[in-house]
Amino acid sequence: MTCPKCNGSRFSTQESMYYPNSGRNVSKFVDLFGGGFMTLLGIGILWVSIANWGEQPSGYLLVTGITFIVLGGPQLYKYFLGEKKTQYQHTCLDCKHRWLER
């Protein structure tokens, strides 16, 4: 592979993942940790509300727990099972030209 601008053969490459449907880069923090945190928080809220169901049922806690699961679940699904593709960003070390290869 050579640089399309100066035909140099020295370049650096950075690899990243993206979602082909939206074109957005895969973010481990947002998709994995954010979705996982919201899902676990929703499960915890549901567990606490069901454990205390006999004393005083709280519809607000049930709705909150289900909302967190509904918001966090798709992020986890998209991260683990969604379609992801690899893209490479090359930078020529001679002329500093950058190009993207998908």
C-alpha atoms as a PDB file:
ATOM      1  CA  MET A   1       0.000   0.000   0.000  1.00  0.00           C
ATOM      2  CA  THR A   2       1.240   3.475  -0.815  1.00  0.00           C
ATOM      3  CA  CYS A   3       0.077   7.004  -0.083  1.00  0.00           C
ATOM      4  CA  PRO A   4      -2.357   8.222  -2.762  1.00  0.00           C
ATOM      5  CA  LYS A   5      -0.861  11.727  -2.630  1.00  0.00           C
ATOM      6  CA  CYS A   6       2.931  11.239  -2.591  1.00  0.00           C
ATOM      7  CA  ASN A   7       3.282   7.455  -3.235  1.00  0.00           C
ATOM      8  CA  GLY A   8       5.204   7.103   0.028  1.00  0.00           C
ATOM      9  CA  SER A   9       5.318   3.704   1.659  1.00  0.00           C
ATOM     10  CA  ARG A  10       5.740   4.826   5.283  1.00  0.00           C
ATOM     11  CA  PHE A  11       2.442   5.291   7.080  1.00  0.00           C
ATOM     12  CA  SER A  12       0.752   4.624  10.407  1.00  0.00           C
ATOM     13  CA  THR A  13      -2.613   2.923  10.746  1.00  0.00           C
ATOM     14  CA  GLN A  14      -5.345   3.219  13.373  1.00  0.00           C
ATOM     15  CA  GLU A  15      -8.084   0.605  13.500  1.00  0.00           C
ATOM     16  CA  SER A  16     -11.575   1.348  14.804  1.00  0.00           C
ATOM     17  CA  MET A  17     -15.048  -0.176  14.636  1.00  0.00           C
ATOM     18  CA  TYR A  18     -18.252   1.482  13.427  1.00  0.00           C
ATOM     19  CA  TYR A  19     -21.934   0.633  13.016  1.00  0.00           C
ATOM     20  CA  PRO A  20     -22.748   0.481   9.269  1.00  0.00           C
ATOM     21  CA  ASN A  21     -26.421   1.435   9.760  1.00  0.00           C
ATOM     22  CA  SER A  22     -25.718   4.760  11.461  1.00  0.00           C
ATOM     23  CA  GLY A  23     -22.040   5.321  10.631  1.00  0.00           C
ATOM     24  CA  ARG A  24     -21.354   6.037  14.327  1.00  0.00           C
ATOM     25  CA  ASN A  25     -18.128   4.768  15.886  1.00  0.00           C
ATOM     26  CA  VAL A  26     -18.417   2.001  18.467  1.00  0.00           C
ATOM     27  CA  SER A  27     -17.916   3.475  21.923  1.00  0.00           C
ATOM     28  CA  LYS A  28     -17.170   0.904  24.614  1.00  0.00           C
ATOM     29  CA  PHE A  29     -17.925   3.368  27.394  1.00  0.00           C
ATOM     30  CA  VAL A  30     -21.341   4.420  26.114  1.00  0.00           C
ATOM     31  CA  ASP A  31     -22.548   1.117  24.716  1.00  0.00           C
ATOM     32  CA  LEU A  32     -21.067  -1.413  27.109  1.00  0.00           C
ATOM     33  CA  PHE A  33     -20.671   0.381  30.416  1.00  0.00           C
ATOM     34  CA  GLY A  34     -23.592   2.795  30.041  1.00  0.00           C
ATOM     35  CA  GLY A  35     -25.997   0.119  28.821  1.00  0.00           C
ATOM     36  CA  GLY A  36     -24.758  -2.382  31.388  1.00  0.00           C
ATOM     37  CA  PHE A  37     -25.030   0.115  34.234  1.00  0.00           C
ATOM     38  CA  MET A  38     -28.569   1.121  33.277  1.00  0.00           C
ATOM     39  CA  THR A  39     -29.674  -2.493  32.893  1.00  0.00           C
ATOM     40  CA  LEU A  40     -28.153  -3.580  36.208  1.00  0.00           C
ATOM     41  CA  LEU A  41     -29.623  -0.540  37.942  1.00  0.00           C
ATOM     42  CA  GLY A  42     -33.055  -1.386  36.517  1.00  0.00           C
ATOM     43  CA  ILE A  43     -32.755  -5.004  37.662  1.00  0.00           C
ATOM     44  CA  GLY A  44     -31.686  -3.835  41.130  1.00  0.00           C
ATOM     45  CA  ILE A  45     -34.605  -1.413  41.426  1.00  0.00           C
ATOM     46  CA  LEU A  46     -37.036  -4.122  40.332  1.00  0.00           C
ATOM     47  CA  TRP A  47     -35.521  -6.582  42.791  1.00  0.00           C
ATOM     48  CA  VAL A  48     -35.847  -4.108  45.687  1.00  0.00           C
ATOM     49  CA  SER A  49     -39.426  -3.204  44.766  1.00  0.00           C
ATOM     50  CA  ILE A  50     -40.467  -6.858  44.443  1.00  0.00           C
ATOM     51  CA  ALA A  51     -38.685  -7.783  47.716  1.00  0.00           C
ATOM     52  CA  ASN A  52     -40.630  -5.051  49.536  1.00  0.00           C
ATOM     53  CA  TRP A  53     -43.890  -5.771  47.728  1.00  0.00           C
ATOM     54  CA  GLY A  54     -45.712  -7.017  50.842  1.00  0.00           C
ATOM     55  CA  GLU A  55     -45.009  -3.915  52.924  1.00  0.00           C
ATOM     56  CA  GLN A  56     -45.869  -1.128  50.516  1.00  0.00           C
ATOM     57  CA  PRO A  57     -46.018  -1.678  46.756  1.00  0.00           C
ATOM     58  CA  SER A  58     -44.549   1.146  44.725  1.00  0.00           C
ATOM     59  CA  GLY A  59     -45.617   1.520  41.121  1.00  0.00           C
ATOM     60  CA  TYR A  60     -43.090   4.323  40.695  1.00  0.00           C
ATOM     61  CA  LEU A  61     -40.174   1.962  41.417  1.00  0.00           C
ATOM     62  CA  LEU A  62     -41.558  -0.642  39.020  1.00  0.00           C
ATOM     63  CA  VAL A  63     -41.874   1.903  36.223  1.00  0.00           C
ATOM     64  CA  THR A  64     -38.388   3.273  36.946  1.00  0.00           C
ATOM     65  CA  GLY A  65     -36.805  -0.197  36.910  1.00  0.00           C
ATOM     66  CA  ILE A  66     -38.519  -1.182  33.684  1.00  0.00           C
ATOM     67  CA  THR A  67     -37.495   2.144  32.107  1.00  0.00           C
ATOM     68  CA  PHE A  68     -33.832   1.579  32.953  1.00  0.00           C
ATOM     69  CA  ILE A  69     -33.965  -1.928  31.489  1.00  0.00           C
ATOM     70  CA  VAL A  70     -35.691  -0.671  28.337  1.00  0.00           C
ATOM     71  CA  LEU A  71     -33.057   2.064  27.892  1.00  0.00           C
ATOM     72  CA  GLY A  72     -29.992  -0.068  28.682  1.00  0.00           C
ATOM     73  CA  GLY A  73     -30.964  -3.313  26.969  1.00  0.00           C
ATOM     74  CA  PRO A  74     -30.762  -2.099  23.353  1.00  0.00           C
ATOM     75  CA  GLN A  75     -27.309  -0.601  23.944  1.00  0.00           C
ATOM     76  CA  LEU A  76     -26.021  -3.940  25.215  1.00  0.00           C
ATOM     77  CA  TYR A  77     -27.728  -5.796  22.369  1.00  0.00           C
ATOM     78  CA  LYS A  78     -26.217  -3.457  19.783  1.00  0.00           C
ATOM     79  CA  TYR A  79     -22.735  -3.776  21.325  1.00  0.00           C
ATOM     80  CA  PHE A  80     -22.696  -7.587  21.580  1.00  0.00           C
ATOM     81  CA  LEU A  81     -24.919  -8.731  18.693  1.00  0.00           C
ATOM     82  CA  GLY A  82     -25.180  -5.723  16.393  1.00  0.00           C
ATOM     83  CA  GLU A  83     -23.405  -5.552  13.062  1.00  0.00           C
ATOM     84  CA  LYS A  84     -20.014  -3.844  13.337  1.00  0.00           C
ATOM     85  CA  LYS A  85     -17.419  -3.221  10.657  1.00  0.00           C
ATOM     86  CA  THR A  86     -13.763  -2.263  10.819  1.00  0.00           C
ATOM     87  CA  GLN A  87     -12.308   0.914   9.384  1.00  0.00           C
ATOM     88  CA  TYR A  88      -8.670   1.880   9.064  1.00  0.00           C
ATOM     89  CA  GLN A  89      -7.370   5.444   9.137  1.00  0.00           C
ATOM     90  CA  HIS A  90      -3.965   5.701   7.509  1.00  0.00           C
ATOM     91  CA  THR A  91      -1.590   8.651   7.926  1.00  0.00           C
ATOM     92  CA  CYS A  92       1.389   9.074   5.623  1.00  0.00           C
ATOM     93  CA  LEU A  93       4.546   9.769   7.631  1.00  0.00           C
ATOM     94  CA  ASP A  94       6.139  11.644   4.734  1.00  0.00           C
ATOM     95  CA  CYS A  95       3.450  14.154   3.666  1.00  0.00           C
ATOM     96  CA  LYS A  96       0.957  13.809   6.615  1.00  0.00           C
ATOM     97  CA  HIS A  97      -1.901  12.982   4.218  1.00  0.00           C
ATOM     98  CA  ARG A  98      -4.775  11.051   5.860  1.00  0.00           C
ATOM     99  CA  TRP A  99      -7.194   8.637   4.199  1.00  0.00           C
ATOM    100  CA  LEU A 100      -9.886   6.308   5.437  1.00  0.00           C
ATOM    101  CA  GLU A 101     -10.353   2.705   4.324  1.00  0.00           C
ATOM    102  CA  ARG A 102     -13.551   0.864   5.151  1.00  0.00           C
END
